[in-house]
Structure formats: C-alpha cells, structure tokens
Amino acid sequence: MIAGLDHVVVLLEDIKAGVTAYETLLARKPAWTHAGEGADRVLFTLDNMTLELMAPSGFSVPADRIRNVIKLTGEGLASLCFATADIGKMHRRLDRVALKPDPIVEVDNSDDVSGATLHWKRTRASTELTRGVRMFFLELQGERPRSIPTDESAVLGLDHVVVSTEDPERAAALYGARLGLDLALDRTHQDWGQLMFFRCGDLIVEVVKRPVAGGDQAHDKLWGLSWRVADIEATRARLLAAGLQVSEARAGRKPGTRVMSLYSGTCGIHTLILERTPKGET
C-alpha cells in the first residue's frame, strides 16, 4: 500500500538560512519554491524522496500554528509523508487499522519560479495514534522536478530516516502490522540498543530503542537522517572546504557501508552521510 517515502518536512524559523544550509549539504539547487497559506516552502528533490523546508510567513492562523509547533518542539524534523499509488485504498487501510485518517483532500501547488503546477491527494493519520510522529499519505499526480547538482559529490538520495522510541514493541506494531512496512532487520546491541529496519521503497525507516532509558513511553520522535552518496571521501572534502564540521569516515553498522557524522550545517538534525560499498569490494 505504501510505495515509498514521498518527503520529510523540516520546520525552520528562517527559510533563507535553511536553504543555504541544505544547498551546501546536498550540493543541489532547490527544485520548487512556494509561498502561501502562512508558510514559505522550499523543496529539494533527490533520487528517491523530497526534503521540504518550511517556515512561517506573515501573520495568519496557519503561520501561527507553525510558530507554535516550533515553540513546543523546536526546529527540525516535523513529519513524514508516505507515497501511495491509491489514496482511497490507503485511507481505507488507515481506517481499518484504527489510525483515524482525516478526510482526503485535493491540493494544487505552483512553483513561484517556473509557474509549474503539481496536484496531489492527501490524508493524515491521527498523531496520537502514530505515537506522536506526524504522518501524511499522498498520491501525487505526475513527477516532481529534480534538484540540479552543483558538484560531482552531490547527495544522491536518502538512505534512512531514524525514529527514536522507548517502546519498541508498539513501534514495531505501528510500522509493521498497521502501516504494512516490511521488517528487514531486528537487532539488539549493548552499545547501540535495539535497531529495527523497515523497508520503505528503496530506503529504510529505522526505529531505534537506545540503551539509555527514561524517555517518553507513549511518544516516539523523529530523530535523524542518513544521506546516500557515491564517494564519501569526495563528499567529506567538499563539506570541509565549505566550513562544516564532519567526522572521519568509518565502517557503518550495516556491512558494506561507510559513514561519517555531520556536526554543523544540518539545521539541528542528527545527520549521517553514507556510502554503500559496491558488491565484490571489501
């Protein structure tokens, strides 16, 4: 039913600062810009998903709603929007598994630069029933334009989005049994905690129960992003030259991967850069 991850939303107070940060991090230009309904929105569309930056604009009920969310939870990852080929069937499934979806709405959105228009149908599950993670479901008519790379070491796409939980059993029931994502890995490590990988198109929704207890048992949290690149050393050199703080590249937890951590330039989002080793190489 879920075909993949259409986009993730990042809430920011300053849209210009966010665009500058992600133009640097991704080495890509924005693909879509739209101002209206109390918000400025800028989209970066990669190989397998879209990053939507959103900031309040002007003084209206929708703008104040965004400001209140930022005030309560801070800037950063705000919601997941899953892609589906049939919004009607998706809505019926969400209702059947008691996630209380909103009525389906139809949306048109135009790019302020090109004037191009996109149309989609959307619904939203009850946030309390999705353990505090805002989730939308979208049937898009047509394809989004891609973000143009500005460097050979540009980010290709998202490898995984990380959700932090204090109740892995209920989180697993939500992403697996109720949303229908395929559980590809369930592993526990004394240093990392419990890791569960759910396939979502060609990327992963990673649900993590960390070793340190004491968090909210009823509510999960969108925690971080891992971006996929072809050459991690070239990407590291580019980010260092741009003045970002990054770690050395190291072996990833998943065999056949190398990763590095970003400590700046992410708008406060926990961020990894990941390279998949070609098959046959060690």
C-alpha atoms as a PDB file:
ATOM      1  CA  MET A   1       0.000   0.000   0.000  1.00  0.00           C
ATOM      2  CA  ILE A   2       2.841   2.408   0.898  1.00  0.00           C
ATOM      3  CA  ALA A   3       5.047   2.791  -2.172  1.00  0.00           C
ATOM      4  CA  GLY A   4       7.834   4.769  -0.522  1.00  0.00           C
ATOM      5  CA  LEU A   5       8.621   7.963   1.309  1.00  0.00           C
ATOM      6  CA  ASP A   6       7.442  10.959  -0.696  1.00  0.00           C
ATOM      7  CA  HIS A   7       9.018  13.602   1.535  1.00  0.00           C
ATOM      8  CA  VAL A   8      10.060  14.675   5.000  1.00  0.00           C
ATOM      9  CA  VAL A   9       9.237  18.122   6.379  1.00  0.00           C
ATOM     10  CA  VAL A  10      11.722  20.269   8.286  1.00  0.00           C
ATOM     11  CA  LEU A  11      10.334  23.237  10.212  1.00  0.00           C
ATOM     12  CA  LEU A  12      12.542  26.306  10.464  1.00  0.00           C
ATOM     13  CA  GLU A  13      12.277  29.861  11.697  1.00  0.00           C
ATOM     14  CA  ASP A  14      14.459  31.246   8.868  1.00  0.00           C
ATOM     15  CA  ILE A  15      13.788  29.750   5.435  1.00  0.00           C
ATOM     16  CA  LYS A  16      16.751  31.534   3.798  1.00  0.00           C
ATOM     17  CA  ALA A  17      19.213  30.115   6.325  1.00  0.00           C
ATOM     18  CA  GLY A  18      17.742  26.642   5.845  1.00  0.00           C
ATOM     19  CA  VAL A  19      18.020  26.834   2.062  1.00  0.00           C
ATOM     20  CA  THR A  20      21.630  27.979   2.295  1.00  0.00           C
ATOM     21  CA  ALA A  21      22.462  25.120   4.686  1.00  0.00           C
ATOM     22  CA  TYR A  22      20.925  22.415   2.506  1.00  0.00           C
ATOM     23  CA  GLU A  23      22.274  23.792  -0.758  1.00  0.00           C
ATOM     24  CA  THR A  24      25.675  23.267   0.865  1.00  0.00           C
ATOM     25  CA  LEU A  25      24.966  19.887   2.446  1.00  0.00           C
ATOM     26  CA  LEU A  26      23.249  18.328  -0.564  1.00  0.00           C
ATOM     27  CA  ALA A  27      25.247  20.173  -3.262  1.00  0.00           C
ATOM     28  CA  ARG A  28      21.973  20.729  -5.102  1.00  0.00           C
ATOM     29  CA  LYS A  29      19.724  23.632  -6.014  1.00  0.00           C
ATOM     30  CA  PRO A  30      16.111  23.837  -4.805  1.00  0.00           C
ATOM     31  CA  ALA A  31      13.647  22.245  -7.216  1.00  0.00           C
ATOM     32  CA  TRP A  32      10.463  24.003  -6.052  1.00  0.00           C
ATOM     33  CA  THR A  33       9.601  27.182  -4.152  1.00  0.00           C
ATOM     34  CA  HIS A  34       6.160  28.182  -2.950  1.00  0.00           C
ATOM     35  CA  ALA A  35       4.942  30.952  -0.645  1.00  0.00           C
ATOM     36  CA  GLY A  36       1.367  30.889   0.610  1.00  0.00           C
ATOM     37  CA  GLU A  37      -1.055  29.575   3.228  1.00  0.00           C
ATOM     38  CA  GLY A  38       1.059  31.107   6.002  1.00  0.00           C
ATOM     39  CA  ALA A  39       4.306  29.381   5.023  1.00  0.00           C
ATOM     40  CA  ASP A  40       7.358  29.609   2.815  1.00  0.00           C
ATOM     41  CA  ARG A  41       8.230  26.209   1.349  1.00  0.00           C
ATOM     42  CA  VAL A  42      11.376  25.161  -0.490  1.00  0.00           C
ATOM     43  CA  LEU A  43      11.793  21.623  -1.844  1.00  0.00           C
ATOM     44  CA  PHE A  44      14.928  19.667  -2.693  1.00  0.00           C
ATOM     45  CA  THR A  45      14.011  16.578  -4.728  1.00  0.00           C
ATOM     46  CA  LEU A  46      16.583  13.778  -4.898  1.00  0.00           C
ATOM     47  CA  ASP A  47      16.624  10.325  -6.498  1.00  0.00           C
ATOM     48  CA  ASN A  48      14.202   8.721  -4.057  1.00  0.00           C
ATOM     49  CA  MET A  49      12.453  11.427  -1.999  1.00  0.00           C
ATOM     50  CA  THR A  50      11.995  15.128  -1.346  1.00  0.00           C
ATOM     51  CA  LEU A  51      13.190  17.298   1.528  1.00  0.00           C
ATOM     52  CA  GLU A  52      10.683  20.057   2.262  1.00  0.00           C
ATOM     53  CA  LEU A  53      11.869  23.079   4.236  1.00  0.00           C
ATOM     54  CA  MET A  54       9.022  25.072   5.761  1.00  0.00           C
ATOM     55  CA  ALA A  55       8.982  28.341   7.728  1.00  0.00           C
ATOM     56  CA  PRO A  56       6.094  30.514   8.946  1.00  0.00           C
ATOM     57  CA  SER A  57       5.347  33.567   6.829  1.00  0.00           C
ATOM     58  CA  GLY A  58       3.219  36.567   7.715  1.00  0.00           C
ATOM     59  CA  PHE A  59       0.507  36.694  10.347  1.00  0.00           C
ATOM     60  CA  SER A  60      -2.322  34.236   9.977  1.00  0.00           C
ATOM     61  CA  VAL A  61      -3.782  31.200  11.696  1.00  0.00           C
ATOM     62  CA  PRO A  62      -1.649  28.726   9.646  1.00  0.00           C
ATOM     63  CA  ALA A  63       1.523  30.780  10.264  1.00  0.00           C
ATOM     64  CA  ASP A  64       0.817  30.941  13.998  1.00  0.00           C
ATOM     65  CA  ARG A  65       0.199  27.198  14.039  1.00  0.00           C
ATOM     66  CA  ILE A  66       3.676  26.582  12.581  1.00  0.00           C
ATOM     67  CA  ARG A  67       5.230  29.008  15.072  1.00  0.00           C
ATOM     68  CA  ASN A  68       3.514  27.181  17.945  1.00  0.00           C
ATOM     69  CA  VAL A  69       4.878  23.827  16.758  1.00  0.00           C
ATOM     70  CA  ILE A  70       8.399  25.282  16.585  1.00  0.00           C
ATOM     71  CA  LYS A  71       7.943  26.822  20.029  1.00  0.00           C
ATOM     72  CA  LEU A  72       6.839  23.492  21.511  1.00  0.00           C
ATOM     73  CA  THR A  73       9.205  21.073  19.755  1.00  0.00           C
ATOM     74  CA  GLY A  74      11.945  23.262  18.289  1.00  0.00           C
ATOM     75  CA  GLU A  75      13.227  23.443  14.746  1.00  0.00           C
ATOM     76  CA  GLY A  76      13.970  20.247  12.854  1.00  0.00           C
ATOM     77  CA  LEU A  77      12.190  17.167  11.537  1.00  0.00           C
ATOM     78  CA  ALA A  78       8.452  17.630  11.774  1.00  0.00           C
ATOM     79  CA  SER A  79       6.640  14.975   9.728  1.00  0.00           C
ATOM     80  CA  LEU A  80       6.813  12.037   7.331  1.00  0.00           C
ATOM     81  CA  CYS A  81       4.754  11.881   4.145  1.00  0.00           C
ATOM     82  CA  PHE A  82       4.424   8.425   2.618  1.00  0.00           C
ATOM     83  CA  ALA A  83       3.708   7.892  -1.086  1.00  0.00           C
ATOM     84  CA  THR A  84       0.849   5.691  -2.213  1.00  0.00           C
ATOM     85  CA  ALA A  85      -0.490   4.787  -5.646  1.00  0.00           C
ATOM     86  CA  ASP A  86      -4.117   4.730  -4.445  1.00  0.00           C
ATOM     87  CA  ILE A  87      -5.108   7.200  -1.755  1.00  0.00           C
ATOM     88  CA  GLY A  88      -8.591   5.677  -1.480  1.00  0.00           C
ATOM     89  CA  LYS A  89      -7.226   2.241  -0.593  1.00  0.00           C
ATOM     90  CA  MET A  90      -4.670   3.825   1.726  1.00  0.00           C
ATOM     91  CA  HIS A  91      -7.398   5.732   3.534  1.00  0.00           C
ATOM     92  CA  ARG A  92      -9.469   2.574   3.971  1.00  0.00           C
ATOM     93  CA  ARG A  93      -6.468   0.719   5.375  1.00  0.00           C
ATOM     94  CA  LEU A  94      -5.685   3.507   7.841  1.00  0.00           C
ATOM     95  CA  ASP A  95      -9.295   3.471   8.964  1.00  0.00           C
ATOM     96  CA  ARG A  96      -9.316  -0.332   9.241  1.00  0.00           C
ATOM     97  CA  VAL A  97      -6.227  -0.351  11.480  1.00  0.00           C
ATOM     98  CA  ALA A  98      -7.744   2.387  13.675  1.00  0.00           C
ATOM     99  CA  LEU A  99      -5.392   5.256  12.794  1.00  0.00           C
ATOM    100  CA  LYS A 100      -8.374   7.620  12.283  1.00  0.00           C
ATOM    101  CA  PRO A 101      -7.357   9.282   8.990  1.00  0.00           C
ATOM    102  CA  ASP A 102      -8.585  12.760   8.078  1.00  0.00           C
ATOM    103  CA  PRO A 103     -10.844  13.066   5.028  1.00  0.00           C
ATOM    104  CA  ILE A 104      -8.953  13.006   1.722  1.00  0.00           C
ATOM    105  CA  VAL A 105      -8.245  16.478   0.344  1.00  0.00           C
ATOM    106  CA  GLU A 106      -7.054  17.547  -3.097  1.00  0.00           C
ATOM    107  CA  VAL A 107      -4.216  20.073  -3.311  1.00  0.00           C
ATOM    108  CA  ASP A 108      -2.734  22.152  -6.122  1.00  0.00           C
ATOM    109  CA  ASN A 109       0.635  23.825  -5.645  1.00  0.00           C
ATOM    110  CA  SER A 110       2.617  26.010  -8.050  1.00  0.00           C
ATOM    111  CA  ASP A 111       6.313  26.785  -8.249  1.00  0.00           C
ATOM    112  CA  ASP A 112       6.927  30.512  -7.734  1.00  0.00           C
ATOM    113  CA  VAL A 113       9.873  30.449 -10.147  1.00  0.00           C
ATOM    114  CA  SER A 114       8.662  28.403 -13.138  1.00  0.00           C
ATOM    115  CA  GLY A 115       4.911  28.619 -12.648  1.00  0.00           C
ATOM    116  CA  ALA A 116       4.612  24.828 -12.990  1.00  0.00           C
ATOM    117  CA  THR A 117       1.805  23.169 -11.035  1.00  0.00           C
ATOM    118  CA  LEU A 118       1.589  19.903  -9.133  1.00  0.00           C
ATOM    119  CA  HIS A 119      -1.594  18.191  -7.994  1.00  0.00           C
ATOM    120  CA  TRP A 120      -1.994  15.578  -5.274  1.00  0.00           C
ATOM    121  CA  LYS A 121      -4.481  13.926  -2.922  1.00  0.00           C
ATOM    122  CA  ARG A 122      -3.613  13.658   0.758  1.00  0.00           C
ATOM    123  CA  THR A 123      -4.759  12.354   4.091  1.00  0.00           C
ATOM    124  CA  ARG A 124      -3.295  12.410   7.580  1.00  0.00           C
ATOM    125  CA  ALA A 125      -3.372   9.835  10.380  1.00  0.00           C
ATOM    126  CA  SER A 126      -4.139  10.835  13.955  1.00  0.00           C
ATOM    127  CA  THR A 127      -0.829  11.909  15.508  1.00  0.00           C
ATOM    128  CA  GLU A 128      -1.725  10.473  18.894  1.00  0.00           C
ATOM    129  CA  LEU A 129      -2.285   7.088  17.258  1.00  0.00           C
ATOM    130  CA  THR A 130       1.028   7.261  15.347  1.00  0.00           C
ATOM    131  CA  ARG A 131       2.873   7.680  18.651  1.00  0.00           C
ATOM    132  CA  GLY A 132       3.439  11.422  18.267  1.00  0.00           C
ATOM    133  CA  VAL A 133       5.046  11.277  14.800  1.00  0.00           C
ATOM    134  CA  ARG A 134       3.046  13.356  12.307  1.00  0.00           C
ATOM    135  CA  MET A 135       2.292  11.167   9.280  1.00  0.00           C
ATOM    136  CA  PHE A 136       0.731  12.120   5.956  1.00  0.00           C
ATOM    137  CA  PHE A 137      -0.116   9.895   2.989  1.00  0.00           C
ATOM    138  CA  LEU A 138      -0.029  11.302  -0.525  1.00  0.00           C
ATOM    139  CA  GLU A 139      -0.976  10.279  -4.047  1.00  0.00           C
ATOM    140  CA  LEU A 140       0.959  12.565  -6.383  1.00  0.00           C
ATOM    141  CA  GLN A 141      -0.206  13.216  -9.928  1.00  0.00           C
ATOM    142  CA  GLY A 142       2.934  13.408 -12.059  1.00  0.00           C
ATOM    143  CA  GLU A 143       6.565  13.692 -11.003  1.00  0.00           C
ATOM    144  CA  ARG A 144       8.372  16.389  -9.080  1.00  0.00           C
ATOM    145  CA  PRO A 145      11.218  18.170 -10.879  1.00  0.00           C
ATOM    146  CA  ARG A 146      14.658  17.104  -9.608  1.00  0.00           C
ATOM    147  CA  SER A 147      17.149  19.326  -7.825  1.00  0.00           C
ATOM    148  CA  ILE A 148      20.103  20.129 -10.072  1.00  0.00           C
ATOM    149  CA  PRO A 149      23.507  19.001  -8.684  1.00  0.00           C
ATOM    150  CA  THR A 150      26.130  21.715  -8.189  1.00  0.00           C
ATOM    151  CA  ASP A 151      29.052  19.329  -7.582  1.00  0.00           C
ATOM    152  CA  GLU A 152      30.085  15.820  -8.607  1.00  0.00           C
ATOM    153  CA  SER A 153      29.896  14.782  -4.941  1.00  0.00           C
ATOM    154  CA  ALA A 154      26.222  15.782  -4.600  1.00  0.00           C
ATOM    155  CA  VAL A 155      24.000  13.724  -2.309  1.00  0.00           C
ATOM    156  CA  LEU A 156      22.070  11.091  -4.295  1.00  0.00           C
ATOM    157  CA  GLY A 157      19.152  10.377  -2.015  1.00  0.00           C
ATOM    158  CA  LEU A 158      18.056   9.393   1.467  1.00  0.00           C
ATOM    159  CA  ASP A 159      19.305   6.088   2.848  1.00  0.00           C
ATOM    160  CA  HIS A 160      17.249   6.084   6.043  1.00  0.00           C
ATOM    161  CA  VAL A 161      15.179   8.225   8.363  1.00  0.00           C
ATOM    162  CA  VAL A 162      15.581   7.471  12.065  1.00  0.00           C
ATOM    163  CA  VAL A 163      12.752   7.309  14.592  1.00  0.00           C
ATOM    164  CA  SER A 164      13.641   7.101  18.293  1.00  0.00           C
ATOM    165  CA  THR A 165      11.323   5.091  20.553  1.00  0.00           C
ATOM    166  CA  GLU A 166      11.105   3.976  24.175  1.00  0.00           C
ATOM    167  CA  ASP A 167       8.576   1.239  23.351  1.00  0.00           C
ATOM    168  CA  PRO A 168       9.945  -0.898  20.501  1.00  0.00           C
ATOM    169  CA  GLU A 169       7.111  -3.435  20.606  1.00  0.00           C
ATOM    170  CA  ARG A 170       4.397  -0.847  19.996  1.00  0.00           C
ATOM    171  CA  ALA A 171       6.558   1.000  17.476  1.00  0.00           C
ATOM    172  CA  ALA A 172       7.133  -2.259  15.582  1.00  0.00           C
ATOM    173  CA  ALA A 173       3.389  -2.919  15.565  1.00  0.00           C
ATOM    174  CA  LEU A 174       2.758   0.553  14.121  1.00  0.00           C
ATOM    175  CA  TYR A 175       5.308   0.462  11.287  1.00  0.00           C
ATOM    176  CA  GLY A 176       4.950  -3.222  10.529  1.00  0.00           C
ATOM    177  CA  ALA A 177       1.461  -4.560  11.186  1.00  0.00           C
ATOM    178  CA  ARG A 178      -0.506  -1.319  10.859  1.00  0.00           C
ATOM    179  CA  LEU A 179       1.356   0.602   8.146  1.00  0.00           C
ATOM    180  CA  GLY A 180       2.442  -2.551   6.329  1.00  0.00           C
ATOM    181  CA  LEU A 181       6.176  -1.853   6.028  1.00  0.00           C
ATOM    182  CA  ASP A 182       8.446  -4.906   5.747  1.00  0.00           C
ATOM    183  CA  LEU A 183      10.672  -5.554   8.784  1.00  0.00           C
ATOM    184  CA  ALA A 184      14.088  -6.236   7.249  1.00  0.00           C
ATOM    185  CA  LEU A 185      16.208  -6.290  10.424  1.00  0.00           C
ATOM    186  CA  ASP A 186      15.685  -6.517  14.187  1.00  0.00           C
ATOM    187  CA  ARG A 187      18.958  -6.491  16.099  1.00  0.00           C
ATOM    188  CA  THR A 188      19.992  -5.637  19.645  1.00  0.00           C
ATOM    189  CA  HIS A 189      23.476  -4.449  20.596  1.00  0.00           C
ATOM    190  CA  GLN A 190      24.719  -3.481  24.063  1.00  0.00           C
ATOM    191  CA  ASP A 191      26.152  -0.196  22.766  1.00  0.00           C
ATOM    192  CA  TRP A 192      23.539   0.769  20.167  1.00  0.00           C
ATOM    193  CA  GLY A 193      20.358  -0.600  21.714  1.00  0.00           C
ATOM    194  CA  GLN A 194      17.631  -2.206  19.602  1.00  0.00           C
ATOM    195  CA  LEU A 195      17.591  -1.412  15.878  1.00  0.00           C
ATOM    196  CA  MET A 196      14.662  -2.232  13.599  1.00  0.00           C
ATOM    197  CA  PHE A 197      14.870  -1.561   9.853  1.00  0.00           C
ATOM    198  CA  PHE A 198      11.592  -1.247   7.920  1.00  0.00           C
ATOM    199  CA  ARG A 199      11.814  -1.154   4.123  1.00  0.00           C
ATOM    200  CA  CYS A 200      10.029   1.806   2.560  1.00  0.00           C
ATOM    201  CA  GLY A 201      10.605   1.841  -1.188  1.00  0.00           C
ATOM    202  CA  ASP A 202      14.384   1.871  -1.672  1.00  0.00           C
ATOM    203  CA  LEU A 203      15.142   3.464   1.695  1.00  0.00           C
ATOM    204  CA  ILE A 204      14.757   2.469   5.329  1.00  0.00           C
ATOM    205  CA  VAL A 205      12.687   3.701   8.247  1.00  0.00           C
ATOM    206  CA  GLU A 206      14.998   2.886  11.157  1.00  0.00           C
ATOM    207  CA  VAL A 207      13.337   2.600  14.570  1.00  0.00           C
ATOM    208  CA  VAL A 208      15.817   2.770  17.457  1.00  0.00           C
ATOM    209  CA  LYS A 209      15.466   1.999  21.171  1.00  0.00           C
ATOM    210  CA  ARG A 210      18.617   3.414  22.697  1.00  0.00           C
ATOM    211  CA  PRO A 211      20.327   1.829  25.744  1.00  0.00           C
ATOM    212  CA  VAL A 212      19.643   4.871  27.948  1.00  0.00           C
ATOM    213  CA  ALA A 213      16.104   4.724  29.319  1.00  0.00           C
ATOM    214  CA  GLY A 214      13.937   7.453  30.765  1.00  0.00           C
ATOM    215  CA  GLY A 215      12.197   8.876  27.695  1.00  0.00           C
ATOM    216  CA  ASP A 216       8.518   9.190  26.796  1.00  0.00           C
ATOM    217  CA  GLN A 217       6.989   5.718  26.598  1.00  0.00           C
ATOM    218  CA  ALA A 218       3.934   6.876  24.650  1.00  0.00           C
ATOM    219  CA  HIS A 219       5.526   9.135  22.047  1.00  0.00           C
ATOM    220  CA  ASP A 220       8.275   8.465  19.521  1.00  0.00           C
ATOM    221  CA  LYS A 221      10.450  11.174  17.974  1.00  0.00           C
ATOM    222  CA  LEU A 222      11.789  11.844  14.500  1.00  0.00           C
ATOM    223  CA  TRP A 223      15.487  11.769  15.275  1.00  0.00           C
ATOM    224  CA  GLY A 224      17.720  11.948  12.211  1.00  0.00           C
ATOM    225  CA  LEU A 225      18.520  11.469   8.528  1.00  0.00           C
ATOM    226  CA  SER A 226      21.185   9.474   6.701  1.00  0.00           C
ATOM    227  CA  TRP A 227      22.034  10.716   3.197  1.00  0.00           C
ATOM    228  CA  ARG A 228      23.393   8.430   0.479  1.00  0.00           C
ATOM    229  CA  VAL A 229      26.460   9.418  -1.577  1.00  0.00           C
ATOM    230  CA  ALA A 230      28.606   7.730  -4.216  1.00  0.00           C
ATOM    231  CA  ASP A 231      32.004   8.812  -2.826  1.00  0.00           C
ATOM    232  CA  ILE A 232      32.177   9.583   0.878  1.00  0.00           C
ATOM    233  CA  GLU A 233      35.726  10.934   0.765  1.00  0.00           C
ATOM    234  CA  ALA A 234      34.875  13.400  -2.005  1.00  0.00           C
ATOM    235  CA  THR A 235      31.781  14.484  -0.088  1.00  0.00           C
ATOM    236  CA  ARG A 236      33.821  14.905   3.099  1.00  0.00           C
ATOM    237  CA  ALA A 237      36.375  17.059   1.299  1.00  0.00           C
ATOM    238  CA  ARG A 238      33.602  19.248  -0.139  1.00  0.00           C
ATOM    239  CA  LEU A 239      31.891  19.727   3.224  1.00  0.00           C
ATOM    240  CA  LEU A 240      35.165  20.515   4.995  1.00  0.00           C
ATOM    241  CA  ALA A 241      36.000  23.083   2.312  1.00  0.00           C
ATOM    242  CA  ALA A 242      32.589  24.678   2.974  1.00  0.00           C
ATOM    243  CA  GLY A 243      33.477  25.040   6.656  1.00  0.00           C
ATOM    244  CA  LEU A 244      31.290  22.265   8.074  1.00  0.00           C
ATOM    245  CA  GLN A 245      32.340  20.091  10.992  1.00  0.00           C
ATOM    246  CA  VAL A 246      32.441  16.432   9.993  1.00  0.00           C
ATOM    247  CA  SER A 247      33.916  13.239  11.406  1.00  0.00           C
ATOM    248  CA  GLU A 248      36.330  10.895   9.718  1.00  0.00           C
ATOM    249  CA  ALA A 249      34.725   8.247   7.525  1.00  0.00           C
ATOM    250  CA  ARG A 250      34.295   4.923   9.331  1.00  0.00           C
ATOM    251  CA  ALA A 251      32.738   1.498   8.825  1.00  0.00           C
ATOM    252  CA  GLY A 252      28.957   1.596   9.178  1.00  0.00           C
ATOM    253  CA  ARG A 253      26.849  -0.679  11.349  1.00  0.00           C
ATOM    254  CA  LYS A 254      25.459  -2.287   8.221  1.00  0.00           C
ATOM    255  CA  PRO A 255      28.045  -4.448   6.439  1.00  0.00           C
ATOM    256  CA  GLY A 256      29.257  -2.932   3.194  1.00  0.00           C
ATOM    257  CA  THR A 257      28.765   0.699   4.242  1.00  0.00           C
ATOM    258  CA  ARG A 258      30.960   3.604   5.318  1.00  0.00           C
ATOM    259  CA  VAL A 259      29.557   6.566   7.225  1.00  0.00           C
ATOM    260  CA  MET A 260      30.532   9.907   8.676  1.00  0.00           C
ATOM    261  CA  SER A 261      28.738  12.258  11.065  1.00  0.00           C
ATOM    262  CA  LEU A 262      27.935  15.917  10.482  1.00  0.00           C
ATOM    263  CA  TYR A 263      28.167  18.252  13.465  1.00  0.00           C
ATOM    264  CA  SER A 264      27.112  21.518  11.796  1.00  0.00           C
ATOM    265  CA  GLY A 265      25.157  22.800   8.828  1.00  0.00           C
ATOM    266  CA  THR A 266      22.157  20.494   9.341  1.00  0.00           C
ATOM    267  CA  CYS A 267      19.638  22.863  10.984  1.00  0.00           C
ATOM    268  CA  GLY A 268      19.963  20.853  14.198  1.00  0.00           C
ATOM    269  CA  ILE A 269      19.105  17.485  12.633  1.00  0.00           C
ATOM    270  CA  HIS A 270      21.207  14.436  13.557  1.00  0.00           C
ATOM    271  CA  THR A 271      22.817  13.631  10.219  1.00  0.00           C
ATOM    272  CA  LEU A 272      24.952  10.879   8.718  1.00  0.00           C
ATOM    273  CA  ILE A 273      26.476  10.597   5.268  1.00  0.00           C
ATOM    274  CA  LEU A 274      26.583   7.010   3.982  1.00  0.00           C
ATOM    275  CA  GLU A 275      28.399   5.281   1.136  1.00  0.00           C
ATOM    276  CA  ARG A 276      27.466   1.786   0.047  1.00  0.00           C
ATOM    277  CA  THR A 277      30.462  -0.315  -0.937  1.00  0.00           C
ATOM    278  CA  PRO A 278      29.984  -1.848  -4.413  1.00  0.00           C
ATOM    279  CA  LYS A 279      29.352  -5.597  -4.305  1.00  0.00           C
ATOM    280  CA  GLY A 280      32.543  -7.586  -4.633  1.00  0.00           C
ATOM    281  CA  GLU A 281      34.654  -4.981  -2.838  1.00  0.00           C
ATOM    282  CA  THR A 282      35.765  -5.196   0.755  1.00  0.00           C
END
